[in-house]
Amino acid sequence: MNGVAQQPAAMSWSDYAAQRLAGVGYRSGVARQAVLDLLGRQGCALSAFEIEAELDRSQRRVARASIYRVLEELEQLKLVGRVEVGQGIARFEPLHPGGDHHHHHFVCNRCGELVPFSDDELEKAIDRVALRLDFDVSDHDITLRGSCRACQAS
């Protein structure tokens, strides 16, 4: 195993993350819970700006500094993954212990569009390479960069 605690099957990601944060001494708070709740409902990655805008739309205003602080705490505990989309922008997505919801990303170099994808054949290829090189892969992420359909057309 990769040393990361397993999320109980009946527990949501946001509850699991709150429990892990509390377990290492972080206090619960309205801002932290708002960020956890929002991330727990996401299928893919959001930037801090997108998190702030979505929380504002839902009447749960959270200061950008608080959002960055929570994201940093979550990243340190490997509860979120960072996807660099270029131009100094990073997006963050929940990491589910055990690999649930595992996927990779296409990122458009021009507009920053992020497209998640899963591919069983890619996963098998990673396993074959690891076996050939006698390497125990505990985690991986793949980001493919290029041009989205809209940017190709313009």
Protein backbone atom coordinates (compact mmCIF):
# COMPACT_ATOMS: atom_id res chain seq x y z
CA MET A 1 0.00 0.00 0.00
CA ASN A 2 1.12 3.61 -0.46
CA GLY A 3 0.93 4.65 3.21
CA VAL A 4 -2.24 6.70 2.79
CA ALA A 5 -5.12 5.88 5.12
CA GLN A 6 -8.11 4.22 3.50
CA GLN A 7 -11.36 6.15 3.24
CA PRO A 8 -14.19 4.12 4.79
CA ALA A 9 -16.67 3.09 2.08
CA ALA A 10 -19.66 4.80 3.70
CA MET A 11 -17.81 8.08 4.33
CA SER A 12 -17.88 10.97 1.85
CA TRP A 13 -14.60 12.48 0.68
CA SER A 14 -15.39 15.77 2.48
CA ASP A 15 -16.08 13.98 5.78
CA TYR A 16 -12.95 11.87 5.34
CA ALA A 17 -10.85 14.98 4.61
CA ALA A 18 -12.30 16.83 7.62
CA GLN A 19 -11.49 13.84 9.82
CA ARG A 20 -7.90 13.65 8.51
CA LEU A 21 -7.40 17.40 9.01
CA ALA A 22 -8.74 17.18 12.58
CA GLY A 23 -6.52 14.17 13.21
CA VAL A 24 -3.39 16.23 12.57
CA GLY A 25 -4.60 19.18 14.62
CA TYR A 26 -6.39 21.49 12.18
CA ARG A 27 -9.50 23.05 13.66
CA SER A 28 -12.78 22.84 11.84
CA GLY A 29 -14.26 26.08 10.59
CA VAL A 30 -16.90 27.43 8.27
CA ALA A 31 -14.43 28.35 5.49
CA ARG A 32 -12.65 24.99 5.59
CA GLN A 33 -15.94 23.08 5.57
CA ALA A 34 -17.27 25.13 2.64
CA VAL A 35 -14.16 24.30 0.57
CA LEU A 36 -14.32 20.61 1.57
CA ASP A 37 -18.01 20.38 0.69
CA LEU A 38 -17.48 21.98 -2.72
CA LEU A 39 -14.46 19.83 -3.59
CA GLY A 40 -16.31 16.72 -2.44
CA ARG A 41 -18.99 17.36 -5.08
CA GLN A 42 -16.50 17.84 -7.94
CA GLY A 43 -15.67 15.26 -10.54
CA CYS A 44 -12.50 17.02 -11.58
CA ALA A 45 -10.19 19.91 -10.76
CA LEU A 46 -10.98 23.54 -9.93
CA SER A 47 -8.68 26.53 -9.50
CA ALA A 48 -8.73 28.58 -6.31
CA PHE A 49 -10.45 31.34 -8.32
CA GLU A 50 -13.13 28.90 -9.54
CA ILE A 51 -13.63 27.64 -5.97
CA GLU A 52 -14.04 31.22 -4.73
CA ALA A 53 -16.52 32.07 -7.52
CA GLU A 54 -18.59 28.92 -6.94
CA LEU A 55 -18.74 29.53 -3.19
CA ASP A 56 -19.80 33.15 -3.83
CA ARG A 57 -22.60 31.92 -6.14
CA SER A 58 -23.83 29.57 -3.43
CA GLN A 59 -23.81 32.37 -0.82
CA ARG A 60 -20.91 30.77 1.08
CA ARG A 61 -18.34 33.53 0.72
CA VAL A 62 -14.80 32.48 1.64
CA ALA A 63 -11.74 34.70 1.39
CA ARG A 64 -9.25 33.68 -1.28
CA ALA A 65 -6.46 33.50 1.32
CA SER A 66 -8.52 30.97 3.29
CA ILE A 67 -9.10 28.92 0.15
CA TYR A 68 -5.37 28.81 -0.58
CA ARG A 69 -4.63 27.87 3.03
CA VAL A 70 -7.13 24.99 2.96
CA LEU A 71 -5.82 23.78 -0.42
CA GLU A 72 -2.25 23.82 0.93
CA GLU A 73 -3.29 21.79 4.00
CA LEU A 74 -5.16 19.29 1.81
CA GLU A 75 -2.24 18.99 -0.58
CA GLN A 76 0.21 18.32 2.29
CA LEU A 77 -2.01 15.46 3.46
CA LYS A 78 -2.35 14.15 -0.14
CA LEU A 79 -6.09 14.73 -0.01
CA VAL A 80 -6.04 16.85 -3.17
CA GLY A 81 -3.96 16.65 -6.30
CA ARG A 82 -2.60 19.68 -8.15
CA VAL A 83 -2.91 19.93 -11.92
CA GLU A 84 -0.79 22.68 -13.47
CA VAL A 85 -2.68 24.10 -16.44
CA GLY A 86 -0.14 26.76 -17.43
CA GLN A 87 0.11 30.53 -17.07
CA GLY A 88 0.75 30.07 -13.33
CA ILE A 89 -2.68 28.50 -12.79
CA ALA A 90 -3.14 25.31 -10.83
CA ARG A 91 -6.33 23.36 -10.33
CA PHE A 92 -7.04 21.04 -7.44
CA GLU A 93 -9.13 17.90 -7.22
CA PRO A 94 -9.97 15.47 -4.44
CA LEU A 95 -7.79 12.38 -4.24
CA HIS A 96 -9.76 9.38 -3.13
CA PRO A 97 -7.75 6.76 -1.23
CA GLY A 98 -7.78 3.44 -2.97
CA GLY A 99 -7.84 5.07 -6.41
CA ASP A 100 -11.58 5.63 -6.68
CA HIS A 101 -12.34 8.24 -9.36
CA HIS A 102 -8.80 7.91 -10.77
CA HIS A 103 -8.33 9.72 -14.06
CA HIS A 104 -5.84 11.76 -16.07
CA HIS A 105 -6.07 15.07 -17.91
CA PHE A 106 -5.73 16.77 -21.26
CA VAL A 107 -4.80 20.46 -20.87
CA CYS A 108 -5.10 23.01 -23.66
CA ASN A 109 -1.94 25.11 -23.88
CA ARG A 110 -3.86 28.11 -25.24
CA CYS A 111 -7.05 28.42 -23.20
CA GLY A 112 -6.28 26.16 -20.22
CA GLU A 113 -9.30 23.90 -20.75
CA LEU A 114 -8.98 20.76 -18.64
CA VAL A 115 -10.52 17.53 -19.92
CA PRO A 116 -10.45 14.46 -17.66
CA PHE A 117 -10.09 11.00 -19.18
CA SER A 118 -9.70 7.39 -18.11
CA ASP A 119 -8.16 4.67 -20.22
CA ASP A 120 -7.86 1.04 -19.16
CA GLU A 121 -5.24 0.34 -21.83
CA LEU A 122 -3.06 3.19 -20.51
CA GLU A 123 -3.32 1.76 -16.99
CA LYS A 124 -2.32 -1.67 -18.29
CA ALA A 125 0.65 -0.12 -20.13
CA ILE A 126 1.80 1.57 -16.91
CA ASP A 127 1.56 -1.78 -15.11
CA ARG A 128 3.56 -3.51 -17.88
CA VAL A 129 6.34 -0.89 -17.77
CA ALA A 130 6.48 -1.07 -13.96
CA LEU A 131 6.73 -4.88 -14.10
CA ARG A 132 9.44 -4.75 -16.77
CA LEU A 133 11.48 -2.26 -14.73
CA ASP A 134 10.73 -4.04 -11.41
CA PHE A 135 9.25 -0.85 -10.00
CA ASP A 136 6.41 -0.65 -7.48
CA VAL A 137 4.20 2.24 -8.64
CA SER A 138 2.26 3.63 -5.68
CA ASP A 139 0.66 6.51 -7.54
CA HIS A 140 0.73 8.23 -10.90
CA ASP A 141 -0.84 11.06 -12.82
CA ILE A 142 -0.63 11.86 -16.49
CA THR A 143 -1.25 15.24 -18.04
CA LEU A 144 -1.26 15.48 -21.81
CA ARG A 145 -0.86 18.97 -23.26
CA GLY A 146 -1.92 20.26 -26.63
CA SER A 147 -4.78 22.14 -28.24
CA CYS A 148 -8.49 21.68 -27.60
CA ARG A 149 -10.91 21.51 -30.54
CA ALA A 150 -11.93 25.19 -30.18
CA CYS A 151 -8.32 26.41 -30.17
CA GLN A 152 -7.42 24.17 -33.11
CA ALA A 153 -10.21 25.81 -35.11
CA SER A 154 -9.16 29.39 -34.36
